[in-house]
Each structure stands twice: as C-alpha cells, then as structure tokens.
C-alpha cells in the first residue's frame, strides 16, 4: 500500500517507481493519487492484484506493462490510458468507463487472455494497435463518440467474430487485419475511407 494524501495534497506516482520489482503480489494505490507515471509498475511479474483510487485521472505509458493481474477496475475518474499501459498483461476482461477519452497506442496490445472489452460513450480516441493481438477477444462495439481510430486498432484478434463501428468514425485503416473469424461487421453510414 502506497501512502495516501501527502500533507493533504494529491500526488502522482513517479516514473519507474517500482519498475521490475519482482516480489510485489498486491498493490493498492490510495486515494489522492491523480497520475501513474511511465513504467511505474511494469515488469512486476508477480503483481496479481491491483486496486486503483477514485482520484486517478491518468494511467501513464507502460504503467502496468507485462503484469500478470487478471482483472482490474478502471475508476470513473480516469480520462486517459497511456501508450502500452497494459500491454502483454494477463487481463481477462476490461470495462472502460465513460470518463476515458483516450486509449493510447498499444494500450492493451498482446493481452492474449483478454476476452471481453466494454467501451462506453465518451471515448474519443483509440490509438494505433490499441487492442492488436488480443487473441481471445470475441466481439467489440466501438461507441458513436469515437472519432479517431488508429491503424490496426483491433488487428490480429483471431477469435473476433462480431464487430460494430460507431457513427463518429469516417476512416478505417487495417482495423481488423488478420481477424480471420470475423463474420459479422457493422460499419458506420458516414464512412468515407477504408
């Protein structure tokens, strides 16, 4: 457990705070933390339980990269999930709250156990390869509020059978490349370029 408010003020977990610390099995980030820095907990190969505070706004780049936690609850205070934040982790399902506007590039890339993803209205940007190679993911609904979809956002999701893309998207580039089981796709009426 990290310390809570420092002198009554909110604070951030700094970059590389516990990078590669092998023995950590459980992590509780207390109320008051607003940001988790770059690589703060990446390569913590024993980290199986993660609890995030309701004050958290930004999950930084590679924050939990390659961590073995199977589940994590993203608080409704979070606005941004950084580049590669959960890449190569063991997460099995994730619900992205309506407060999140940006899912960064590679944020969940190669989360091979990730079978369920819930994206909510409010999300605006899904970065390049954000869910690339999530080989257990079976279906996805991209909300109408998304206006920017990065290249290969859901590429190589080899278990994906159904997908719908919201009406805010006008351009799609290699979005579902290599999704060999994809049989049911709903595209937006305002789509201009594939």
N, C-alpha and C. Protein backbone atom coordinates (compact mmCIF):
# COMPACT_ATOMS: atom_id res chain seq x y z
N UNK A 1 0.85 -1.18 0.00
CA UNK A 1 0.00 0.00 0.00
C UNK A 1 0.89 1.23 0.00
N UNK A 2 0.66 2.09 -0.97
CA UNK A 2 1.41 3.35 -1.02
C UNK A 2 0.77 4.34 -0.04
N UNK A 3 1.51 5.35 0.42
CA UNK A 3 0.93 6.33 1.34
C UNK A 3 -0.19 7.11 0.66
N UNK A 4 -1.17 7.56 1.47
CA UNK A 4 -2.28 8.34 0.91
C UNK A 4 -1.86 9.80 0.80
N UNK A 5 -2.82 10.68 0.78
CA UNK A 5 -2.54 12.11 0.58
C UNK A 5 -1.28 12.56 1.32
N UNK A 6 -0.45 13.33 0.63
CA UNK A 6 0.76 13.87 1.24
C UNK A 6 0.46 15.30 1.67
N UNK A 7 0.50 15.55 2.97
CA UNK A 7 0.17 16.88 3.52
C UNK A 7 -1.17 17.39 3.01
N UNK A 8 -2.13 16.46 2.81
CA UNK A 8 -3.46 16.86 2.38
C UNK A 8 -3.58 17.13 0.89
N UNK A 9 -2.48 16.99 0.15
CA UNK A 9 -2.49 17.28 -1.28
C UNK A 9 -2.54 15.99 -2.10
N UNK A 10 -3.03 16.10 -3.31
CA UNK A 10 -2.97 14.97 -4.23
C UNK A 10 -1.54 14.84 -4.75
N UNK A 11 -1.22 13.67 -5.29
CA UNK A 11 0.12 13.49 -5.81
C UNK A 11 0.14 12.44 -6.91
N UNK A 12 1.31 12.26 -7.51
CA UNK A 12 1.49 11.33 -8.62
C UNK A 12 2.47 10.24 -8.22
N UNK A 13 2.28 9.06 -8.81
CA UNK A 13 3.28 8.00 -8.67
C UNK A 13 4.31 8.28 -9.77
N UNK A 14 5.56 8.45 -9.41
CA UNK A 14 6.58 8.89 -10.36
C UNK A 14 6.96 7.79 -11.36
N UNK A 15 7.59 8.21 -12.44
CA UNK A 15 8.08 7.28 -13.46
C UNK A 15 9.01 6.25 -12.82
N UNK A 16 8.88 5.00 -13.23
CA UNK A 16 9.75 3.89 -12.79
C UNK A 16 9.73 3.67 -11.28
N UNK A 17 8.65 4.04 -10.62
CA UNK A 17 8.57 3.97 -9.15
C UNK A 17 8.94 2.60 -8.61
N UNK A 18 8.32 1.54 -9.14
CA UNK A 18 8.62 0.18 -8.70
C UNK A 18 8.87 -0.72 -9.92
N UNK A 19 9.48 -0.15 -10.91
CA UNK A 19 9.78 -0.84 -12.16
C UNK A 19 10.55 -2.13 -11.89
N UNK A 20 9.98 -3.27 -12.35
CA UNK A 20 10.69 -4.53 -12.29
C UNK A 20 10.89 -5.13 -10.92
N UNK A 21 10.15 -4.65 -9.92
CA UNK A 21 10.27 -5.23 -8.58
C UNK A 21 9.51 -6.55 -8.57
N UNK A 22 10.22 -7.62 -8.43
CA UNK A 22 9.65 -8.95 -8.65
C UNK A 22 8.70 -9.42 -7.55
N UNK A 23 8.96 -9.12 -6.30
CA UNK A 23 8.21 -9.72 -5.20
C UNK A 23 6.83 -9.16 -4.91
N UNK A 24 6.43 -8.06 -5.56
CA UNK A 24 5.13 -7.45 -5.26
C UNK A 24 4.01 -8.33 -5.82
N UNK A 25 3.07 -8.75 -4.96
CA UNK A 25 1.95 -9.57 -5.42
C UNK A 25 0.64 -8.80 -5.42
N UNK A 26 0.55 -7.75 -4.59
CA UNK A 26 -0.68 -6.97 -4.47
C UNK A 26 -0.33 -5.50 -4.35
N UNK A 27 -1.11 -4.65 -4.99
CA UNK A 27 -0.84 -3.21 -5.00
C UNK A 27 -2.13 -2.44 -4.79
N UNK A 28 -2.16 -1.59 -3.76
CA UNK A 28 -3.27 -0.67 -3.54
C UNK A 28 -2.74 0.74 -3.66
N UNK A 29 -3.22 1.45 -4.66
CA UNK A 29 -2.82 2.85 -4.84
C UNK A 29 -3.90 3.69 -4.15
N UNK A 30 -3.53 4.50 -3.17
CA UNK A 30 -4.52 5.16 -2.33
C UNK A 30 -5.20 6.37 -2.98
N UNK A 31 -6.29 6.77 -2.33
CA UNK A 31 -6.97 8.00 -2.73
C UNK A 31 -5.99 9.16 -2.64
N UNK A 32 -6.09 10.08 -3.57
CA UNK A 32 -5.18 11.22 -3.61
C UNK A 32 -4.26 11.17 -4.80
N UNK A 33 -3.98 9.96 -5.28
CA UNK A 33 -3.12 9.82 -6.47
C UNK A 33 -3.93 10.17 -7.71
N UNK A 34 -3.40 11.10 -8.52
CA UNK A 34 -4.10 11.53 -9.74
C UNK A 34 -3.46 10.97 -11.01
N UNK A 35 -2.19 10.55 -10.92
CA UNK A 35 -1.49 10.10 -12.11
C UNK A 35 -0.49 9.01 -11.76
N UNK A 36 -0.39 8.01 -12.64
CA UNK A 36 0.62 6.96 -12.51
C UNK A 36 1.61 7.16 -13.65
N UNK A 37 2.87 7.31 -13.30
CA UNK A 37 3.90 7.66 -14.26
C UNK A 37 4.33 6.53 -15.19
N UNK A 38 5.18 6.89 -16.13
CA UNK A 38 5.72 5.96 -17.12
C UNK A 38 6.44 4.79 -16.44
N UNK A 39 6.07 3.58 -16.85
CA UNK A 39 6.74 2.35 -16.38
C UNK A 39 6.76 2.21 -14.86
N UNK A 40 5.79 2.82 -14.19
CA UNK A 40 5.79 2.82 -12.72
C UNK A 40 5.79 1.41 -12.13
N UNK A 41 5.04 0.49 -12.76
CA UNK A 41 4.93 -0.87 -12.24
C UNK A 41 5.14 -1.92 -13.33
N UNK A 42 5.80 -1.54 -14.41
CA UNK A 42 5.99 -2.52 -15.48
C UNK A 42 7.00 -3.59 -15.07
N UNK A 43 6.84 -4.76 -15.66
CA UNK A 43 7.70 -5.91 -15.38
C UNK A 43 7.69 -6.34 -13.91
N UNK A 44 6.59 -6.07 -13.22
CA UNK A 44 6.39 -6.60 -11.86
C UNK A 44 5.71 -7.95 -12.06
N UNK A 45 6.49 -8.98 -12.30
CA UNK A 45 5.98 -10.26 -12.78
C UNK A 45 5.18 -11.07 -11.77
N UNK A 46 5.10 -10.61 -10.52
CA UNK A 46 4.27 -11.29 -9.52
C UNK A 46 3.02 -10.50 -9.15
N UNK A 47 2.85 -9.33 -9.76
CA UNK A 47 1.76 -8.42 -9.39
C UNK A 47 0.42 -8.94 -9.91
N UNK A 48 -0.34 -9.59 -9.03
CA UNK A 48 -1.59 -10.26 -9.42
C UNK A 48 -2.84 -9.47 -9.06
N UNK A 49 -2.73 -8.54 -8.11
CA UNK A 49 -3.90 -7.76 -7.68
C UNK A 49 -3.56 -6.28 -7.69
N UNK A 50 -4.44 -5.49 -8.35
CA UNK A 50 -4.21 -4.05 -8.47
C UNK A 50 -5.50 -3.33 -8.11
N UNK A 51 -5.40 -2.37 -7.19
CA UNK A 51 -6.57 -1.55 -6.83
C UNK A 51 -6.23 -0.09 -7.07
N UNK A 52 -7.04 0.57 -7.89
CA UNK A 52 -6.79 1.96 -8.26
C UNK A 52 -7.75 2.90 -7.52
N UNK A 53 -7.31 4.13 -7.22
CA UNK A 53 -8.15 5.07 -6.46
C UNK A 53 -9.15 5.82 -7.35
N UNK A 54 -10.18 6.37 -6.72
CA UNK A 54 -11.20 7.12 -7.46
C UNK A 54 -10.74 8.53 -7.81
N UNK A 55 -9.53 8.89 -7.39
CA UNK A 55 -8.96 10.20 -7.75
C UNK A 55 -8.08 10.13 -9.00
N UNK A 56 -7.83 8.93 -9.48
CA UNK A 56 -6.90 8.73 -10.59
C UNK A 56 -7.46 9.30 -11.90
N UNK A 57 -6.63 10.06 -12.63
CA UNK A 57 -7.04 10.66 -13.90
C UNK A 57 -6.25 10.13 -15.09
N UNK A 58 -4.97 9.82 -14.87
CA UNK A 58 -4.11 9.39 -15.98
C UNK A 58 -3.34 8.13 -15.58
N UNK A 59 -3.43 7.11 -16.45
CA UNK A 59 -2.61 5.91 -16.31
C UNK A 59 -1.52 6.03 -17.35
N UNK A 60 -0.30 6.19 -16.91
CA UNK A 60 0.80 6.54 -17.80
C UNK A 60 1.28 5.43 -18.71
N UNK A 61 2.16 5.82 -19.61
CA UNK A 61 2.75 4.91 -20.58
C UNK A 61 3.44 3.73 -19.89
N UNK A 62 3.10 2.53 -20.32
CA UNK A 62 3.70 1.28 -19.83
C UNK A 62 3.53 1.09 -18.31
N UNK A 63 2.55 1.73 -17.71
CA UNK A 63 2.39 1.71 -16.26
C UNK A 63 2.33 0.30 -15.69
N UNK A 64 1.58 -0.59 -16.35
CA UNK A 64 1.42 -1.97 -15.87
C UNK A 64 1.82 -2.98 -16.94
N UNK A 65 2.75 -2.62 -17.77
CA UNK A 65 3.20 -3.46 -18.86
C UNK A 65 3.66 -4.83 -18.35
N UNK A 66 3.14 -5.89 -18.93
CA UNK A 66 3.55 -7.28 -18.64
C UNK A 66 3.27 -7.73 -17.21
N UNK A 67 2.27 -7.12 -16.58
CA UNK A 67 1.89 -7.56 -15.22
C UNK A 67 0.88 -8.71 -15.33
N UNK A 68 0.93 -9.68 -14.41
CA UNK A 68 0.08 -10.86 -14.52
C UNK A 68 -1.33 -10.71 -13.92
N UNK A 69 -1.72 -9.51 -13.50
CA UNK A 69 -3.06 -9.33 -12.93
C UNK A 69 -4.12 -9.71 -13.96
N UNK A 70 -5.11 -10.51 -13.53
CA UNK A 70 -6.15 -10.99 -14.44
C UNK A 70 -7.33 -10.04 -14.53
N UNK A 71 -7.50 -9.18 -13.54
CA UNK A 71 -8.60 -8.22 -13.58
C UNK A 71 -8.15 -6.91 -12.97
N UNK A 72 -8.77 -5.85 -13.44
CA UNK A 72 -8.51 -4.51 -12.91
C UNK A 72 -9.74 -3.66 -13.17
N UNK A 73 -10.09 -2.84 -12.20
CA UNK A 73 -11.23 -1.94 -12.34
C UNK A 73 -10.70 -0.53 -12.59
N UNK A 74 -11.08 0.02 -13.74
CA UNK A 74 -10.66 1.39 -14.08
C UNK A 74 -11.67 2.35 -13.45
N UNK A 75 -11.25 3.24 -12.55
CA UNK A 75 -12.19 4.17 -11.91
C UNK A 75 -12.81 5.15 -12.90
N UNK A 76 -13.98 5.64 -12.57
CA UNK A 76 -14.70 6.56 -13.46
C UNK A 76 -14.12 7.97 -13.45
N UNK A 77 -12.98 8.15 -12.77
CA UNK A 77 -12.27 9.43 -12.78
C UNK A 77 -11.20 9.48 -13.88
N UNK A 78 -10.84 8.32 -14.43
CA UNK A 78 -9.73 8.24 -15.39
C UNK A 78 -10.14 8.85 -16.73
N UNK A 79 -9.27 9.73 -17.26
CA UNK A 79 -9.51 10.39 -18.55
C UNK A 79 -8.67 9.79 -19.67
N UNK A 80 -7.50 9.26 -19.31
CA UNK A 80 -6.57 8.77 -20.34
C UNK A 80 -5.85 7.51 -19.89
N UNK A 81 -5.78 6.56 -20.80
CA UNK A 81 -4.99 5.34 -20.60
C UNK A 81 -3.82 5.44 -21.59
N UNK A 82 -2.62 5.50 -21.07
CA UNK A 82 -1.45 5.80 -21.88
C UNK A 82 -0.97 4.67 -22.78
N UNK A 83 -0.03 5.01 -23.62
CA UNK A 83 0.58 4.09 -24.57
C UNK A 83 1.14 2.85 -23.85
N UNK A 84 0.75 1.68 -24.31
CA UNK A 84 1.25 0.40 -23.79
C UNK A 84 0.99 0.21 -22.29
N UNK A 85 0.00 0.91 -21.74
CA UNK A 85 -0.24 0.89 -20.29
C UNK A 85 -0.44 -0.52 -19.74
N UNK A 86 -1.17 -1.37 -20.47
CA UNK A 86 -1.44 -2.73 -20.02
C UNK A 86 -0.97 -3.79 -21.02
N UNK A 87 -0.14 -3.42 -21.96
CA UNK A 87 0.34 -4.36 -22.98
C UNK A 87 0.92 -5.61 -22.33
N UNK A 88 0.63 -6.74 -22.94
CA UNK A 88 1.18 -8.03 -22.53
C UNK A 88 0.83 -8.41 -21.10
N UNK A 89 -0.27 -7.86 -20.58
CA UNK A 89 -0.71 -8.25 -19.24
C UNK A 89 -1.67 -9.44 -19.36
N UNK A 90 -2.10 -9.98 -18.23
CA UNK A 90 -2.96 -11.17 -18.22
C UNK A 90 -4.43 -10.83 -18.01
N UNK A 91 -4.80 -9.57 -18.23
CA UNK A 91 -6.19 -9.14 -18.02
C UNK A 91 -7.13 -9.99 -18.87
N UNK A 92 -8.25 -10.42 -18.25
CA UNK A 92 -9.22 -11.27 -18.95
C UNK A 92 -10.44 -10.48 -19.43
N UNK A 93 -10.77 -9.39 -18.75
CA UNK A 93 -11.87 -8.53 -19.18
C UNK A 93 -11.60 -7.12 -18.69
N UNK A 94 -12.15 -6.14 -19.42
CA UNK A 94 -11.95 -4.74 -19.03
C UNK A 94 -13.17 -3.93 -19.44
N UNK A 95 -13.59 -3.06 -18.53
CA UNK A 95 -14.66 -2.11 -18.83
C UNK A 95 -14.05 -0.72 -18.76
N UNK A 96 -14.11 -0.02 -19.88
CA UNK A 96 -13.55 1.34 -19.95
C UNK A 96 -14.68 2.31 -19.63
N UNK A 97 -14.59 3.05 -18.51
CA UNK A 97 -15.69 3.95 -18.14
C UNK A 97 -15.85 5.12 -19.11
N UNK A 98 -17.02 5.76 -19.03
CA UNK A 98 -17.36 6.87 -19.93
C UNK A 98 -16.43 8.07 -19.76
N UNK A 99 -15.74 8.16 -18.64
CA UNK A 99 -14.82 9.28 -18.39
C UNK A 99 -13.57 9.22 -19.28
N UNK A 100 -13.21 8.02 -19.73
CA UNK A 100 -11.98 7.86 -20.54
C UNK A 100 -12.22 8.38 -21.95
N UNK A 101 -11.40 9.35 -22.34
CA UNK A 101 -11.50 9.94 -23.68
C UNK A 101 -10.46 9.36 -24.63
N UNK A 102 -9.34 8.92 -24.09
CA UNK A 102 -8.23 8.45 -24.94
C UNK A 102 -7.71 7.11 -24.44
N UNK A 103 -7.65 6.14 -25.35
CA UNK A 103 -6.92 4.89 -25.12
C UNK A 103 -5.71 4.97 -26.03
N UNK A 104 -4.54 5.01 -25.45
CA UNK A 104 -3.31 5.24 -26.20
C UNK A 104 -2.89 4.09 -27.09
N UNK A 105 -1.91 4.36 -27.93
CA UNK A 105 -1.35 3.35 -28.83
C UNK A 105 -0.87 2.15 -28.02
N UNK A 106 -1.15 0.97 -28.51
CA UNK A 106 -0.67 -0.30 -27.92
C UNK A 106 -1.16 -0.53 -26.48
N UNK A 107 -2.14 0.21 -26.01
CA UNK A 107 -2.54 0.18 -24.60
C UNK A 107 -2.81 -1.23 -24.08
N UNK A 108 -3.46 -2.06 -24.89
CA UNK A 108 -3.78 -3.43 -24.49
C UNK A 108 -3.22 -4.45 -25.49
N UNK A 109 -2.23 -4.06 -26.25
CA UNK A 109 -1.67 -4.95 -27.26
C UNK A 109 -1.14 -6.24 -26.63
N UNK A 110 -1.43 -7.34 -27.29
CA UNK A 110 -0.96 -8.67 -26.88
C UNK A 110 -1.41 -9.08 -25.48
N UNK A 111 -2.61 -8.60 -25.10
CA UNK A 111 -3.25 -9.13 -23.89
C UNK A 111 -4.01 -10.37 -24.37
N UNK A 112 -3.32 -11.47 -24.42
CA UNK A 112 -3.83 -12.66 -25.09
C UNK A 112 -4.96 -13.35 -24.35
N UNK A 113 -5.17 -13.02 -23.07
CA UNK A 113 -6.28 -13.59 -22.30
C UNK A 113 -7.51 -12.69 -22.30
N UNK A 114 -7.40 -11.51 -22.90
CA UNK A 114 -8.48 -10.51 -22.87
C UNK A 114 -9.63 -10.95 -23.77
N UNK A 115 -10.72 -11.44 -23.15
CA UNK A 115 -11.85 -11.99 -23.90
C UNK A 115 -13.02 -11.02 -24.00
N UNK A 116 -13.07 -10.03 -23.11
CA UNK A 116 -14.21 -9.11 -23.08
C UNK A 116 -13.74 -7.67 -22.88
N UNK A 117 -14.19 -6.78 -23.78
CA UNK A 117 -13.86 -5.36 -23.68
C UNK A 117 -15.15 -4.57 -23.82
N UNK A 118 -15.42 -3.71 -22.84
CA UNK A 118 -16.59 -2.83 -22.90
C UNK A 118 -16.10 -1.39 -23.06
N UNK A 119 -16.46 -0.78 -24.18
CA UNK A 119 -16.12 0.61 -24.45
C UNK A 119 -17.39 1.44 -24.32
N UNK A 120 -17.34 2.55 -23.60
CA UNK A 120 -18.53 3.35 -23.35
C UNK A 120 -18.54 4.66 -24.11
N UNK A 121 -19.76 5.21 -24.32
CA UNK A 121 -19.91 6.53 -24.93
C UNK A 121 -19.11 7.53 -24.09
N UNK A 122 -18.39 8.40 -24.75
CA UNK A 122 -17.49 9.34 -24.10
C UNK A 122 -16.07 9.17 -24.63
N UNK A 123 -15.76 7.94 -25.01
CA UNK A 123 -14.45 7.65 -25.60
C UNK A 123 -14.33 8.34 -26.95
N UNK A 124 -13.19 9.01 -27.20
CA UNK A 124 -13.00 9.75 -28.45
C UNK A 124 -11.91 9.15 -29.34
N UNK A 125 -10.85 8.66 -28.72
CA UNK A 125 -9.70 8.19 -29.49
C UNK A 125 -9.27 6.79 -29.04
N UNK A 126 -9.08 5.91 -30.02
CA UNK A 126 -8.47 4.61 -29.79
C UNK A 126 -7.19 4.59 -30.62
N UNK A 127 -6.07 4.50 -29.97
CA UNK A 127 -4.78 4.62 -30.65
C UNK A 127 -4.40 3.42 -31.50
N UNK A 128 -3.38 3.62 -32.30
CA UNK A 128 -2.84 2.58 -33.18
C UNK A 128 -2.52 1.32 -32.39
N UNK A 129 -2.97 0.18 -32.88
CA UNK A 129 -2.68 -1.14 -32.29
C UNK A 129 -3.11 -1.27 -30.84
N UNK A 130 -4.10 -0.47 -30.42
CA UNK A 130 -4.51 -0.45 -29.00
C UNK A 130 -4.91 -1.84 -28.50
N UNK A 131 -5.60 -2.62 -29.34
CA UNK A 131 -6.04 -3.97 -28.95
C UNK A 131 -5.50 -5.01 -29.93
N UNK A 132 -4.44 -4.68 -30.59
CA UNK A 132 -3.79 -5.58 -31.55
C UNK A 132 -3.37 -6.88 -30.86
N UNK A 133 -3.63 -8.00 -31.50
CA UNK A 133 -3.17 -9.30 -30.99
C UNK A 133 -3.82 -9.71 -29.67
N UNK A 134 -5.03 -9.25 -29.43
CA UNK A 134 -5.81 -9.74 -28.28
C UNK A 134 -6.55 -10.98 -28.79
N UNK A 135 -5.88 -12.09 -28.76
CA UNK A 135 -6.32 -13.28 -29.48
C UNK A 135 -7.51 -14.00 -28.86
N UNK A 136 -7.95 -13.60 -27.67
CA UNK A 136 -9.14 -14.20 -27.05
C UNK A 136 -10.39 -13.34 -27.21
N UNK A 137 -10.23 -12.11 -27.70
CA UNK A 137 -11.36 -11.18 -27.83
C UNK A 137 -12.34 -11.68 -28.89
N UNK A 138 -13.62 -11.80 -28.51
CA UNK A 138 -14.62 -12.39 -29.40
C UNK A 138 -15.53 -11.38 -30.07
N UNK A 139 -15.79 -10.24 -29.43
CA UNK A 139 -16.63 -9.22 -30.06
C UNK A 139 -16.28 -7.85 -29.52
N UNK A 140 -16.61 -6.82 -30.31
CA UNK A 140 -16.31 -5.44 -29.91
C UNK A 140 -17.36 -4.49 -30.48
N UNK A 141 -17.76 -3.54 -29.66
CA UNK A 141 -18.65 -2.46 -30.09
C UNK A 141 -17.92 -1.15 -29.84
N UNK A 142 -17.63 -0.43 -30.92
CA UNK A 142 -16.93 0.85 -30.82
C UNK A 142 -18.01 1.94 -30.75
N UNK A 143 -18.04 2.74 -29.67
CA UNK A 143 -19.13 3.71 -29.48
C UNK A 143 -19.14 4.84 -30.48
N UNK A 144 -20.31 5.49 -30.59
CA UNK A 144 -20.51 6.58 -31.55
C UNK A 144 -19.64 7.80 -31.27
N UNK A 145 -19.16 7.95 -30.04
CA UNK A 145 -18.35 9.12 -29.69
C UNK A 145 -16.91 9.03 -30.20
N UNK A 146 -16.49 7.84 -30.61
CA UNK A 146 -15.12 7.66 -31.13
C UNK A 146 -15.04 8.30 -32.51
N UNK A 147 -14.08 9.23 -32.67
CA UNK A 147 -13.87 9.90 -33.96
C UNK A 147 -12.50 9.58 -34.55
N UNK A 148 -11.62 9.02 -33.73
CA UNK A 148 -10.28 8.69 -34.21
C UNK A 148 -9.95 7.24 -33.86
N UNK A 149 -9.74 6.44 -34.91
CA UNK A 149 -9.39 5.03 -34.75
C UNK A 149 -8.02 4.82 -35.38
N UNK A 150 -7.04 4.45 -34.59
CA UNK A 150 -5.69 4.25 -35.11
C UNK A 150 -5.57 3.03 -36.01
N UNK A 151 -4.54 3.02 -36.82
CA UNK A 151 -4.24 1.89 -37.69
C UNK A 151 -4.12 0.61 -36.86
N UNK A 152 -4.73 -0.46 -37.33
CA UNK A 152 -4.62 -1.79 -36.73
C UNK A 152 -5.12 -1.85 -35.28
N UNK A 153 -6.07 -1.02 -34.93
CA UNK A 153 -6.56 -0.97 -33.54
C UNK A 153 -6.98 -2.34 -33.02
N UNK A 154 -7.58 -3.16 -33.89
CA UNK A 154 -8.04 -4.50 -33.48
C UNK A 154 -7.49 -5.58 -34.41
N UNK A 155 -6.33 -5.35 -34.96
CA UNK A 155 -5.73 -6.32 -35.88
C UNK A 155 -5.30 -7.59 -35.13
N UNK A 156 -5.32 -8.70 -35.84
CA UNK A 156 -4.85 -9.99 -35.34
C UNK A 156 -5.59 -10.46 -34.07
N UNK A 157 -6.83 -10.01 -33.94
CA UNK A 157 -7.70 -10.54 -32.88
C UNK A 157 -8.36 -11.78 -33.49
N UNK A 158 -7.68 -12.88 -33.40
CA UNK A 158 -8.02 -14.07 -34.19
C UNK A 158 -9.26 -14.82 -33.71
N UNK A 159 -9.82 -14.43 -32.55
CA UNK A 159 -11.08 -15.03 -32.09
C UNK A 159 -12.28 -14.11 -32.32
N UNK A 160 -12.02 -12.91 -32.85
CA UNK A 160 -13.08 -11.93 -33.07
C UNK A 160 -14.06 -12.40 -34.13
N UNK A 161 -15.35 -12.49 -33.74
CA UNK A 161 -16.38 -12.94 -34.70
C UNK A 161 -17.38 -11.85 -35.04
N UNK A 162 -17.54 -10.82 -34.15
CA UNK A 162 -18.51 -9.76 -34.39
C UNK A 162 -17.93 -8.42 -33.98
N UNK A 163 -18.19 -7.39 -34.82
CA UNK A 163 -17.71 -6.04 -34.51
C UNK A 163 -18.66 -5.00 -35.08
N UNK A 164 -18.84 -3.92 -34.33
CA UNK A 164 -19.60 -2.77 -34.85
C UNK A 164 -18.79 -1.51 -34.61
N UNK A 165 -18.80 -0.63 -35.59
CA UNK A 165 -18.04 0.61 -35.53
C UNK A 165 -19.04 1.77 -35.48
N UNK A 166 -18.91 2.63 -34.48
CA UNK A 166 -19.85 3.73 -34.28
C UNK A 166 -19.84 4.77 -35.38
N UNK A 167 -20.86 5.61 -35.37
CA UNK A 167 -21.09 6.59 -36.43
C UNK A 167 -20.12 7.76 -36.44
N UNK A 168 -19.29 7.91 -35.42
CA UNK A 168 -18.33 9.00 -35.40
C UNK A 168 -17.09 8.75 -36.25
N UNK A 169 -16.91 7.52 -36.66
CA UNK A 169 -15.71 7.12 -37.42
C UNK A 169 -15.94 7.33 -38.91
N UNK A 170 -15.00 8.00 -39.58
CA UNK A 170 -15.10 8.22 -41.02
C UNK A 170 -14.00 7.53 -41.81
N UNK A 171 -12.93 7.12 -41.13
CA UNK A 171 -11.80 6.47 -41.80
C UNK A 171 -11.37 5.22 -41.02
N UNK A 172 -11.17 4.14 -41.76
CA UNK A 172 -10.71 2.88 -41.18
C UNK A 172 -9.49 2.41 -41.96
N UNK A 173 -8.40 2.10 -41.24
CA UNK A 173 -7.18 1.62 -41.89
C UNK A 173 -6.70 0.34 -41.21
N UNK A 174 -6.80 -0.77 -41.92
CA UNK A 174 -6.35 -2.07 -41.41
C UNK A 174 -6.93 -2.38 -40.02
N UNK A 175 -8.12 -1.90 -39.76
CA UNK A 175 -8.74 -2.00 -38.44
C UNK A 175 -8.83 -3.44 -37.95
N UNK A 176 -9.28 -4.34 -38.81
CA UNK A 176 -9.48 -5.73 -38.42
C UNK A 176 -8.57 -6.68 -39.21
N UNK A 177 -7.41 -6.20 -39.61
CA UNK A 177 -6.47 -7.01 -40.38
C UNK A 177 -6.13 -8.30 -39.63
N UNK A 178 -6.24 -9.42 -40.30
CA UNK A 178 -5.86 -10.70 -39.71
C UNK A 178 -6.89 -11.29 -38.76
N UNK A 179 -8.08 -10.69 -38.70
CA UNK A 179 -9.16 -11.23 -37.86
C UNK A 179 -9.91 -12.27 -38.70
N UNK A 180 -9.36 -13.44 -38.76
CA UNK A 180 -9.80 -14.46 -39.72
C UNK A 180 -11.16 -15.06 -39.43
N UNK A 181 -11.69 -14.92 -38.22
CA UNK A 181 -13.01 -15.46 -37.88
C UNK A 181 -14.12 -14.41 -37.93
N UNK A 182 -13.76 -13.18 -38.25
CA UNK A 182 -14.73 -12.09 -38.24
C UNK A 182 -15.78 -12.29 -39.33
N UNK A 183 -17.04 -12.50 -38.91
CA UNK A 183 -18.11 -12.81 -39.86
C UNK A 183 -19.20 -11.75 -39.87
N UNK A 184 -19.33 -10.97 -38.79
CA UNK A 184 -20.43 -10.01 -38.65
C UNK A 184 -19.84 -8.65 -38.31
N UNK A 185 -19.88 -7.73 -39.29
CA UNK A 185 -19.32 -6.38 -39.11
C UNK A 185 -20.36 -5.33 -39.47
N UNK A 186 -20.54 -4.36 -38.59
CA UNK A 186 -21.42 -3.22 -38.86
C UNK A 186 -20.54 -1.98 -38.97
N UNK A 187 -20.57 -1.34 -40.13
CA UNK A 187 -19.77 -0.14 -40.37
C UNK A 187 -20.67 1.11 -40.34
N UNK A 188 -20.11 2.26 -40.01
CA UNK A 188 -20.91 3.49 -39.91
C UNK A 188 -21.36 3.99 -41.28
N UNK A 189 -22.52 4.62 -41.32
CA UNK A 189 -23.07 5.14 -42.59
C UNK A 189 -22.25 6.28 -43.15
N UNK A 190 -21.53 7.02 -42.28
CA UNK A 190 -20.73 8.15 -42.75
C UNK A 190 -19.31 7.81 -43.11
N UNK A 191 -19.01 6.52 -43.24
CA UNK A 191 -17.65 6.08 -43.55
C UNK A 191 -17.20 6.61 -44.91
N UNK A 192 -16.03 7.25 -44.97
CA UNK A 192 -15.54 7.84 -46.22
C UNK A 192 -14.36 7.09 -46.81
N UNK A 193 -13.59 6.43 -45.95
CA UNK A 193 -12.36 5.78 -46.46
C UNK A 193 -12.08 4.50 -45.70
N UNK A 194 -11.79 3.44 -46.46
CA UNK A 194 -11.38 2.16 -45.89
C UNK A 194 -10.01 1.81 -46.44
